[in-house]
Amino acid sequence: MAEHALVLSIIRSGIDRCIAVAPTCGSVCFKAKAFACVLMLSLFSLACGGDDAPEMYQPNKKDAESTDNRKDGGDYRPREDASAEPDSNIDSNDGIVATEDSFTVDVSGDDLFNDARGYCLAVYANDFVLAYQNHVPATDCRTRIDFLSFSSFGPIPKTETAVNKEFFCSVAKEPAVVYAGDAWTMAWSDTRSSETDSPEYEPNLYTLTLGSQEPFTEIAGDGLFEQNAVLIQVNSTALLAWISERVSAGNERKRSIRTRLLGAANSGENIVVPEEDNRMPEGLVAAPIGKTNAVIGWIDRSAANTGVFVLPLDGDGSAKEAPYQLTAFDATSMDIAAGDTANAAVYSVNIDGTRQVRLHLLSGIGGQAEIKDERKLVTPPEQGLDASIVYWGANGFLVVYRSFRGSDTDSAMIRLLVIDLGIDWNPDELEPRDIAPAALGGGRTTARLANDGTLAVTWLDSVSTEEKSLNLRRLH
């Protein structure tokens, strides 16, 4: 087996510890170079060739000592498969080699832009797609959806328009993207079937294959609003989940969560959270569990069910169990990550006037779910918003969030945490790594990890309606 190892973090302690990602085994591999060479090679072989990887070393403890990146005990070498020499952006504090590409698009003046759902970042193997809502200034009633596709290495290309290439007076918004069935599929909300041009009425869901000339497929629900679409791959098929809303005769808002397998024969619509539950879900997210199951999560604003919830799904999109509540605190965003051996949810909550980031390990999702204790990631004096999470192998996860201190707008930063749920730690023992300066306000961060260890992060900076930008960073 050829090893394509990317050193993601250099851990400081009395011995050198390094964590490498081996794309052929799909898990995190560990080296303990202070032990005998034979033991080191044995552990590496076990992690890459066996079913059980050793537990992750403690990558966040402040008692670790920093070393430089080395390969086979020699001087640091760039990745052998890199298309170009990396730049000198090497963080000496944590050892991450960050050959960083960036993308920023100005979305200022677009009062139709959904700060939380106006963009979507997706990954498959070593390829990424970023789709986002854009505005056509000449027409108040029209937006379009643009996208760019890029790989772990090489230049980030120019954007393309996927929806409303020609003049059409509709509001296209809230894109979701997934790779399934050998193609990239996108879903979004659109008012094109409405009897009015107003962006406030009757958006339905539509799907398309990016790069295809095929017509759009309409997912016409019976609600007044079909919105907040998310897409994941289950059984090599795109599974769509979304929030449907209607307004009753008494002007009461009723919401449900629905799912559907796209392109599957005889695939009907599943109502996994019915209106009768009297919930008010928003911020819907989803993750595949293995190849045959899934889990969705949302923030609930109803009087009886305030907080963050998750719901396990079967491969056909039907509900396996009743929803589980993770926290009753007021939440502003959430995300879910699932892997070979661990699943977790991360969310930003408002506690006593401070913004904090917390995490739950979800054990047994896909079988009988077991919700572990809540763990703190970001606590005062630091505050955190808009958290996103990706699985990193074994018990490891990467969490990206918007950090700030008090009302100091100059302190806002997009930060990365490397965490190991296999050990105990306190929030003040974690060592965040800065990715980029940010605005204090904006939309959720989204992190996605490629098979080769490339991390892509996107977020919205919003100073005001008149000053917004969508940002992308690619880290190796």
Foldseek 3Di string as FASTA:
>chain_A
DDFQWAWAWWWAAPWTKTWTFGLQQQFIAIATVVDDPVVRVVLRCCQRPHDDHDADDFRFFPNGRFDEDDDPPDDDDPGPPAPDDADPPADRVIHFRWSKDKDKDWQFQQPVQDQAQQWEWEDDFFKIKIKGWHDDVVDNLEIWIKMWMDGLHDHTDDIDTDGCPDDDRKYWGRKEWEQFPNFIKIKTWMCRPPPDSDHVWATWMWMDTPPDPDDIDTDHDPAGGWHNWYWDAALRWIKIKTKGWHADPVRDIFIWIKIWTPPDPPIDIEGQGGSVVVWDWDQKEKEAAPRWWIKIKTATDGPVDGAIWMFIGTNSGHTPDDIDGQDNFHWDHKEKEYDDAWIKMKTWGQDPNAIFIKMWIWPPRVHDIDIDHIAGAGDPQKHWHQKYWYDRHDQKIKIWTWIDGDPPQQRTFTWIWIGGPVDDDHNVRGDIDTDGHAGPDGYHKYWDAHSSGKIKIWTKGDPDSRTIMIMMMITD
